[in-house]
Amino acid sequence: MDAGYAGDAPEEEDLEVQLLHADHGESSGRPSEQAAEDDEARKGAGFGAGINLANALIGSGLLALPYAFAGSGLLGGVLVLCTLGACSVYACGLVESCRRILLAQGRPVTRYDEVGHAALGQLGLWLATLAVVASQIGFC
C-alpha cells in the first residue's frame, strides 16, 4: 500500500510541473497562440458579463409581471409598465448627460459612484453606492 502511494507521488509532481508550465505558455512553445486564446477568452468574458447583467435586470422582473398585471388589470398594468419604462429611459439619459459633461470637463467617469461623487461630493459617492447595492439586493 505504501509502495503504491510512493509510486504516485512522482506522477503527481510531474502533473503539477506540467500544469505550472502550461500556465506560463511553455508547454506548447507558441506564446502567440496563447495570447490569441487569452484575447478570445477576454472577449468571451465581456459577452458573458453582458448576458449575466441582462439576466439580472430582466430575470426577476419578468417573473413578477404576470402577478402585477393580474392585480392591476390589463390597462393599469400597461400604463404602469410604460410609465416606469419612460422613467427608466429618462434616468439613463440623465446619467449619460452627466457623463458627457464631465468628459467635456476632462473628468472621464465610468461608474455610477464616480458620477455621484462629481455631482455631490462624498455624499453623492455614498448615495450612488447605496443605490447600486440596493438594486443588486433586489436581484438576489
N, C-alpha and C. Protein backbone atom coordinates (compact mmCIF):
# COMPACT_ATOMS: atom_id res chain seq x y z
N MET A 1 0.81 -1.17 0.00
CA MET A 1 0.00 0.00 0.00
C MET A 1 0.87 1.26 0.00
N ASP A 2 1.93 1.29 0.82
CA ASP A 2 2.85 2.41 0.84
C ASP A 2 3.60 2.53 -0.47
N ALA A 3 3.96 1.39 -1.08
CA ALA A 3 4.70 1.42 -2.34
C ALA A 3 3.84 2.06 -3.42
N GLY A 4 2.56 1.73 -3.43
CA GLY A 4 1.66 2.33 -4.42
C GLY A 4 1.54 3.83 -4.22
N TYR A 5 1.49 4.25 -2.99
CA TYR A 5 1.39 5.68 -2.70
C TYR A 5 2.67 6.40 -3.10
N ALA A 6 3.81 5.78 -2.79
CA ALA A 6 5.09 6.38 -3.14
C ALA A 6 5.24 6.45 -4.66
N GLY A 7 4.69 5.46 -5.36
CA GLY A 7 4.79 5.47 -6.82
C GLY A 7 3.92 6.55 -7.43
N ASP A 8 2.87 6.97 -6.74
CA ASP A 8 2.00 8.00 -7.28
C ASP A 8 2.59 9.40 -7.11
N ALA A 9 3.44 9.59 -6.13
CA ALA A 9 3.96 10.92 -5.84
C ALA A 9 4.71 11.53 -7.01
N PRO A 10 5.64 10.81 -7.68
CA PRO A 10 6.32 11.44 -8.81
C PRO A 10 5.37 11.81 -9.94
N GLU A 11 4.33 10.99 -10.18
CA GLU A 11 3.39 11.32 -11.24
C GLU A 11 2.62 12.60 -10.89
N GLU A 12 2.25 12.73 -9.62
CA GLU A 12 1.55 13.93 -9.20
C GLU A 12 2.46 15.15 -9.34
N GLU A 13 3.73 14.96 -8.97
CA GLU A 13 4.67 16.06 -9.09
C GLU A 13 4.85 16.44 -10.56
N ASP A 14 4.98 15.46 -11.43
CA ASP A 14 5.11 15.73 -12.86
C ASP A 14 3.88 16.48 -13.38
N LEU A 15 2.71 16.09 -12.92
CA LEU A 15 1.49 16.74 -13.34
C LEU A 15 1.48 18.20 -12.89
N GLU A 16 1.93 18.44 -11.66
CA GLU A 16 1.99 19.81 -11.17
C GLU A 16 2.96 20.65 -11.99
N VAL A 17 4.11 20.07 -12.34
CA VAL A 17 5.09 20.78 -13.15
C VAL A 17 4.51 21.08 -14.53
N GLN A 18 3.80 20.09 -15.11
CA GLN A 18 3.19 20.31 -16.43
C GLN A 18 2.14 21.42 -16.35
N LEU A 19 1.33 21.42 -15.31
CA LEU A 19 0.33 22.46 -15.16
C LEU A 19 0.97 23.82 -14.97
N LEU A 20 2.06 23.86 -14.20
CA LEU A 20 2.77 25.11 -13.98
C LEU A 20 3.31 25.65 -15.30
N HIS A 21 3.91 24.77 -16.11
CA HIS A 21 4.43 25.20 -17.41
C HIS A 21 3.30 25.60 -18.34
N ALA A 22 2.20 24.92 -18.28
CA ALA A 22 1.06 25.25 -19.14
C ALA A 22 0.49 26.62 -18.80
N ASP A 23 0.51 26.98 -17.51
CA ASP A 23 0.01 28.28 -17.09
C ASP A 23 0.87 29.41 -17.66
N HIS A 24 2.15 29.14 -17.87
CA HIS A 24 3.05 30.16 -18.39
C HIS A 24 3.24 30.07 -19.89
N GLY A 25 2.47 29.24 -20.57
CA GLY A 25 2.55 29.12 -22.01
C GLY A 25 3.78 28.39 -22.50
N GLU A 26 4.45 27.62 -21.63
CA GLU A 26 5.70 26.97 -22.00
C GLU A 26 5.49 25.61 -22.62
N SER A 27 4.33 24.99 -22.40
CA SER A 27 4.16 23.62 -22.88
C SER A 27 3.98 23.57 -24.39
N SER A 28 3.30 24.54 -24.98
CA SER A 28 3.07 24.48 -26.42
C SER A 28 4.23 25.07 -27.19
N GLY A 29 5.02 25.93 -26.54
CA GLY A 29 6.12 26.55 -27.23
C GLY A 29 5.66 27.65 -28.18
N ARG A 30 4.39 28.01 -28.15
CA ARG A 30 3.84 29.04 -29.04
C ARG A 30 3.12 30.10 -28.21
N PRO A 31 3.85 31.09 -27.70
CA PRO A 31 3.20 32.10 -26.87
C PRO A 31 2.19 32.94 -27.65
N SER A 32 2.37 33.09 -28.96
CA SER A 32 1.42 33.89 -29.73
C SER A 32 0.04 33.22 -29.75
N GLU A 33 0.02 31.89 -29.81
CA GLU A 33 -1.26 31.18 -29.76
C GLU A 33 -1.91 31.36 -28.40
N GLN A 34 -1.11 31.33 -27.36
CA GLN A 34 -1.64 31.53 -26.01
C GLN A 34 -2.21 32.93 -25.87
N ALA A 35 -1.52 33.92 -26.42
CA ALA A 35 -2.01 35.29 -26.35
C ALA A 35 -3.33 35.43 -27.11
N ALA A 36 -3.42 34.77 -28.27
CA ALA A 36 -4.67 34.81 -29.04
C ALA A 36 -5.80 34.17 -28.27
N GLU A 37 -5.52 33.05 -27.59
CA GLU A 37 -6.54 32.38 -26.79
C GLU A 37 -6.97 33.28 -25.63
N ASP A 38 -6.00 33.97 -25.01
CA ASP A 38 -6.33 34.88 -23.91
C ASP A 38 -7.22 36.02 -24.39
N ASP A 39 -6.92 36.57 -25.59
CA ASP A 39 -7.74 37.64 -26.14
C ASP A 39 -9.16 37.16 -26.39
N GLU A 40 -9.30 35.95 -26.94
CA GLU A 40 -10.63 35.41 -27.18
C GLU A 40 -11.37 35.16 -25.87
N ALA A 41 -10.64 34.71 -24.85
CA ALA A 41 -11.26 34.48 -23.55
C ALA A 41 -11.77 35.79 -22.95
N ARG A 42 -10.98 36.87 -23.12
CA ARG A 42 -11.41 38.17 -22.60
C ARG A 42 -12.66 38.65 -23.32
N LYS A 43 -12.70 38.47 -24.65
CA LYS A 43 -13.88 38.86 -25.40
C LYS A 43 -15.10 38.06 -24.93
N GLY A 44 -14.91 36.77 -24.72
CA GLY A 44 -15.99 35.92 -24.25
C GLY A 44 -16.43 36.31 -22.85
N ALA A 45 -15.48 36.74 -22.02
CA ALA A 45 -15.82 37.15 -20.66
C ALA A 45 -16.69 38.41 -20.69
N GLY A 46 -16.39 39.33 -21.58
CA GLY A 46 -17.21 40.54 -21.71
C GLY A 46 -18.62 40.21 -22.16
N PHE A 47 -18.73 39.30 -23.11
CA PHE A 47 -20.04 38.88 -23.60
C PHE A 47 -20.82 38.18 -22.48
N GLY A 48 -20.13 37.30 -21.76
CA GLY A 48 -20.76 36.60 -20.65
C GLY A 48 -21.22 37.55 -19.56
N ALA A 49 -20.41 38.58 -19.30
CA ALA A 49 -20.79 39.57 -18.29
C ALA A 49 -22.04 40.33 -18.74
N GLY A 50 -22.12 40.63 -20.02
CA GLY A 50 -23.30 41.30 -20.55
C GLY A 50 -24.54 40.44 -20.43
N ILE A 51 -24.40 39.15 -20.71
CA ILE A 51 -25.53 38.24 -20.58
C ILE A 51 -25.97 38.14 -19.12
N ASN A 52 -25.00 38.05 -18.20
CA ASN A 52 -25.35 37.99 -16.77
C ASN A 52 -26.04 39.28 -16.31
N LEU A 53 -25.59 40.42 -16.82
CA LEU A 53 -26.23 41.68 -16.46
C LEU A 53 -27.67 41.72 -16.97
N ALA A 54 -27.86 41.32 -18.22
CA ALA A 54 -29.21 41.30 -18.78
C ALA A 54 -30.10 40.35 -17.99
N ASN A 55 -29.55 39.22 -17.61
CA ASN A 55 -30.31 38.26 -16.81
C ASN A 55 -30.71 38.86 -15.47
N ALA A 56 -29.79 39.59 -14.84
CA ALA A 56 -30.09 40.21 -13.55
C ALA A 56 -31.15 41.29 -13.68
N LEU A 57 -31.07 42.06 -14.76
CA LEU A 57 -32.02 43.16 -14.93
C LEU A 57 -33.39 42.69 -15.37
N ILE A 58 -33.44 41.67 -16.18
CA ILE A 58 -34.71 41.22 -16.75
C ILE A 58 -35.33 40.07 -15.96
N GLY A 59 -34.52 39.15 -15.48
CA GLY A 59 -34.99 37.90 -14.90
C GLY A 59 -36.06 38.00 -13.85
N SER A 60 -35.79 38.65 -12.74
CA SER A 60 -36.75 38.66 -11.63
C SER A 60 -37.97 39.50 -11.98
N GLY A 61 -37.78 40.60 -12.67
CA GLY A 61 -38.92 41.44 -13.06
C GLY A 61 -39.85 40.73 -14.03
N LEU A 62 -39.27 39.93 -14.89
CA LEU A 62 -40.08 39.20 -15.86
C LEU A 62 -40.96 38.17 -15.17
N LEU A 63 -40.47 37.59 -14.10
CA LEU A 63 -41.26 36.61 -13.35
C LEU A 63 -42.40 37.28 -12.58
N ALA A 64 -42.23 38.52 -12.20
CA ALA A 64 -43.25 39.21 -11.41
C ALA A 64 -44.32 39.88 -12.27
N LEU A 65 -44.08 40.04 -13.57
CA LEU A 65 -45.04 40.75 -14.42
C LEU A 65 -46.44 40.13 -14.45
N PRO A 66 -46.58 38.83 -14.61
CA PRO A 66 -47.95 38.28 -14.64
C PRO A 66 -48.73 38.58 -13.36
N TYR A 67 -48.09 38.49 -12.22
CA TYR A 67 -48.76 38.78 -10.96
C TYR A 67 -49.16 40.24 -10.89
N ALA A 68 -48.26 41.14 -11.32
CA ALA A 68 -48.57 42.57 -11.30
C ALA A 68 -49.72 42.90 -12.24
N PHE A 69 -49.73 42.29 -13.41
CA PHE A 69 -50.82 42.54 -14.35
C PHE A 69 -52.14 41.98 -13.82
N ALA A 70 -52.08 40.85 -13.15
CA ALA A 70 -53.31 40.26 -12.59
C ALA A 70 -53.89 41.17 -11.51
N GLY A 71 -53.04 41.81 -10.75
CA GLY A 71 -53.51 42.69 -9.68
C GLY A 71 -54.00 44.03 -10.16
N SER A 72 -53.42 44.54 -11.23
CA SER A 72 -53.78 45.89 -11.68
C SER A 72 -54.68 45.91 -12.91
N GLY A 73 -54.85 44.78 -13.54
CA GLY A 73 -55.66 44.74 -14.76
C GLY A 73 -54.79 45.04 -15.97
N LEU A 74 -55.33 44.78 -17.13
CA LEU A 74 -54.55 44.95 -18.36
C LEU A 74 -54.21 46.41 -18.62
N LEU A 75 -55.20 47.28 -18.55
CA LEU A 75 -54.96 48.69 -18.83
C LEU A 75 -54.03 49.32 -17.78
N GLY A 76 -54.31 49.06 -16.50
CA GLY A 76 -53.45 49.59 -15.43
C GLY A 76 -52.03 49.06 -15.54
N GLY A 77 -51.89 47.78 -15.84
CA GLY A 77 -50.56 47.18 -15.97
C GLY A 77 -49.76 47.79 -17.10
N VAL A 78 -50.42 47.98 -18.24
CA VAL A 78 -49.74 48.58 -19.40
C VAL A 78 -49.34 50.03 -19.09
N LEU A 79 -50.23 50.79 -18.45
CA LEU A 79 -49.91 52.18 -18.11
C LEU A 79 -48.74 52.27 -17.14
N VAL A 80 -48.76 51.45 -16.11
CA VAL A 80 -47.67 51.49 -15.13
C VAL A 80 -46.36 51.03 -15.76
N LEU A 81 -46.43 49.99 -16.58
CA LEU A 81 -45.22 49.48 -17.25
C LEU A 81 -44.62 50.55 -18.17
N CYS A 82 -45.46 51.21 -18.95
CA CYS A 82 -44.97 52.26 -19.86
C CYS A 82 -44.42 53.45 -19.08
N THR A 83 -45.09 53.82 -17.98
CA THR A 83 -44.62 54.94 -17.17
C THR A 83 -43.26 54.64 -16.55
N LEU A 84 -43.11 53.45 -15.98
CA LEU A 84 -41.82 53.08 -15.38
C LEU A 84 -40.73 52.94 -16.43
N GLY A 85 -41.10 52.45 -17.60
CA GLY A 85 -40.12 52.36 -18.70
C GLY A 85 -39.64 53.74 -19.11
N ALA A 86 -40.57 54.70 -19.21
CA ALA A 86 -40.20 56.07 -19.57
C ALA A 86 -39.30 56.69 -18.49
N CYS A 87 -39.62 56.44 -17.24
CA CYS A 87 -38.78 56.94 -16.14
C CYS A 87 -37.38 56.35 -16.21
N SER A 88 -37.30 55.09 -16.52
CA SER A 88 -36.00 54.42 -16.63
C SER A 88 -35.17 54.99 -17.77
N VAL A 89 -35.79 55.20 -18.92
CA VAL A 89 -35.09 55.79 -20.07
C VAL A 89 -34.62 57.21 -19.73
N TYR A 90 -35.47 57.99 -19.07
CA TYR A 90 -35.12 59.35 -18.67
C TYR A 90 -33.93 59.34 -17.70
N ALA A 91 -33.95 58.46 -16.72
CA ALA A 91 -32.86 58.38 -15.74
C ALA A 91 -31.55 57.98 -16.41
N CYS A 92 -31.61 57.03 -17.34
CA CYS A 92 -30.39 56.64 -18.07
C CYS A 92 -29.87 57.81 -18.89
N GLY A 93 -30.77 58.58 -19.47
CA GLY A 93 -30.36 59.77 -20.22
C GLY A 93 -29.69 60.81 -19.34
N LEU A 94 -30.19 60.98 -18.12
CA LEU A 94 -29.56 61.92 -17.19
C LEU A 94 -28.15 61.49 -16.82
N VAL A 95 -27.98 60.20 -16.56
CA VAL A 95 -26.65 59.70 -16.22
C VAL A 95 -25.70 59.90 -17.40
N GLU A 96 -26.17 59.64 -18.61
CA GLU A 96 -25.33 59.81 -19.79
C GLU A 96 -25.00 61.29 -20.00
N SER A 97 -25.96 62.18 -19.75
CA SER A 97 -25.69 63.62 -19.86
C SER A 97 -24.61 64.04 -18.86
N CYS A 98 -24.70 63.54 -17.64
CA CYS A 98 -23.68 63.85 -16.63
C CYS A 98 -22.32 63.34 -17.08
N ARG A 99 -22.29 62.14 -17.64
CA ARG A 99 -21.03 61.57 -18.11
C ARG A 99 -20.41 62.43 -19.20
N ARG A 100 -21.24 62.89 -20.13
CA ARG A 100 -20.72 63.72 -21.23
C ARG A 100 -20.23 65.07 -20.73
N ILE A 101 -20.93 65.68 -19.79
CA ILE A 101 -20.50 66.97 -19.23
C ILE A 101 -19.16 66.79 -18.53
N LEU A 102 -19.04 65.74 -17.73
CA LEU A 102 -17.78 65.50 -17.02
C LEU A 102 -16.64 65.18 -17.99
N LEU A 103 -16.95 64.47 -19.06
CA LEU A 103 -15.93 64.16 -20.07
C LEU A 103 -15.45 65.45 -20.74
N ALA A 104 -16.38 66.37 -21.02
CA ALA A 104 -16.01 67.66 -21.63
C ALA A 104 -15.14 68.49 -20.68
N GLN A 105 -15.31 68.29 -19.38
CA GLN A 105 -14.50 68.99 -18.38
C GLN A 105 -13.17 68.30 -18.14
N GLY A 106 -12.92 67.19 -18.84
CA GLY A 106 -11.66 66.46 -18.66
C GLY A 106 -11.68 65.50 -17.50
N ARG A 107 -12.87 65.11 -17.05
CA ARG A 107 -13.00 64.18 -15.92
C ARG A 107 -13.80 62.96 -16.39
N PRO A 108 -13.17 62.05 -17.13
CA PRO A 108 -13.92 60.88 -17.61
C PRO A 108 -14.36 59.99 -16.45
N VAL A 109 -15.60 59.56 -16.50
CA VAL A 109 -16.15 58.67 -15.48
C VAL A 109 -16.70 57.43 -16.16
N THR A 110 -16.67 56.32 -15.44
CA THR A 110 -17.16 55.06 -16.00
C THR A 110 -18.12 54.34 -15.05
N ARG A 111 -18.30 54.87 -13.83
CA ARG A 111 -19.15 54.19 -12.85
C ARG A 111 -20.14 55.17 -12.24
N TYR A 112 -21.23 54.62 -11.72
CA TYR A 112 -22.26 55.44 -11.09
C TYR A 112 -21.70 56.22 -9.91
N ASP A 113 -20.88 55.59 -9.09
CA ASP A 113 -20.38 56.28 -7.91
C ASP A 113 -19.48 57.45 -8.29
N GLU A 114 -18.78 57.36 -9.43
CA GLU A 114 -17.96 58.48 -9.88
C GLU A 114 -18.84 59.66 -10.30
N VAL A 115 -19.97 59.38 -10.94
CA VAL A 115 -20.90 60.44 -11.31
C VAL A 115 -21.47 61.08 -10.05
N GLY A 116 -21.86 60.25 -9.07
CA GLY A 116 -22.38 60.78 -7.81
C GLY A 116 -21.36 61.63 -7.09
N HIS A 117 -20.11 61.20 -7.09
CA HIS A 117 -19.04 61.97 -6.43
C HIS A 117 -18.82 63.29 -7.13
N ALA A 118 -18.86 63.29 -8.46
CA ALA A 118 -18.67 64.53 -9.21
C ALA A 118 -19.82 65.51 -8.97
N ALA A 119 -21.03 64.99 -8.78
CA ALA A 119 -22.20 65.85 -8.60
C ALA A 119 -22.34 66.36 -7.17
N LEU A 120 -22.18 65.49 -6.19
CA LEU A 120 -22.48 65.86 -4.80
C LEU A 120 -21.33 65.61 -3.83
N GLY A 121 -20.15 65.32 -4.33
CA GLY A 121 -19.01 65.07 -3.46
C GLY A 121 -19.11 63.71 -2.76
N GLN A 122 -18.62 63.66 -1.55
CA GLN A 122 -18.60 62.39 -0.80
C GLN A 122 -20.01 61.86 -0.55
N LEU A 123 -20.97 62.75 -0.31
CA LEU A 123 -22.35 62.32 -0.11
C LEU A 123 -22.88 61.63 -1.37
N GLY A 124 -22.60 62.18 -2.54
CA GLY A 124 -23.02 61.58 -3.80
C GLY A 124 -22.39 60.23 -4.03
N LEU A 125 -21.14 60.10 -3.63
CA LEU A 125 -20.46 58.80 -3.75
C LEU A 125 -21.19 57.75 -2.93
N TRP A 126 -21.51 58.08 -1.68
CA TRP A 126 -22.20 57.12 -0.81
C TRP A 126 -23.62 56.85 -1.27
N LEU A 127 -24.33 57.88 -1.73
CA LEU A 127 -25.70 57.67 -2.21
C LEU A 127 -25.73 56.78 -3.45
N ALA A 128 -24.81 57.01 -4.38
CA ALA A 128 -24.76 56.19 -5.60
C ALA A 128 -24.40 54.75 -5.26
N THR A 129 -23.44 54.58 -4.36
CA THR A 129 -23.05 53.23 -3.95
C THR A 129 -24.22 52.52 -3.26
N LEU A 130 -24.91 53.23 -2.39
CA LEU A 130 -26.07 52.66 -1.70
C LEU A 130 -27.16 52.27 -2.71
N ALA A 131 -27.40 53.11 -3.71
CA ALA A 131 -28.42 52.82 -4.73
C ALA A 131 -28.05 51.57 -5.52
N VAL A 132 -26.78 51.42 -5.88
CA VAL A 132 -26.35 50.22 -6.62
C VAL A 132 -26.51 48.98 -5.76
N VAL A 133 -26.10 49.06 -4.50
CA VAL A 133 -26.22 47.91 -3.59
C VAL A 133 -27.69 47.54 -3.40
N ALA A 134 -28.55 48.54 -3.21
CA ALA A 134 -29.98 48.28 -3.03
C ALA A 134 -30.58 47.62 -4.26
N SER A 135 -30.18 48.06 -5.44
CA SER A 135 -30.72 47.45 -6.65
C SER A 135 -30.23 46.01 -6.81
N GLN A 136 -28.99 45.75 -6.42
CA GLN A 136 -28.46 44.39 -6.51
C GLN A 136 -29.12 43.46 -5.49
N ILE A 137 -29.45 43.98 -4.34
CA ILE A 137 -30.16 43.16 -3.35
C ILE A 137 -31.52 42.75 -3.90
N GLY A 138 -32.14 43.63 -4.64
CA GLY A 138 -33.42 43.32 -5.25
C GLY A 138 -33.34 42.20 -6.30
N PHE A 139 -32.16 41.98 -6.88
CA PHE A 139 -31.99 40.94 -7.89
C PHE A 139 -31.76 39.57 -7.28
N CYS A 140 -31.35 39.54 -6.02
CA CYS A 140 -30.97 38.26 -5.41
C CYS A 140 -32.15 37.45 -4.97
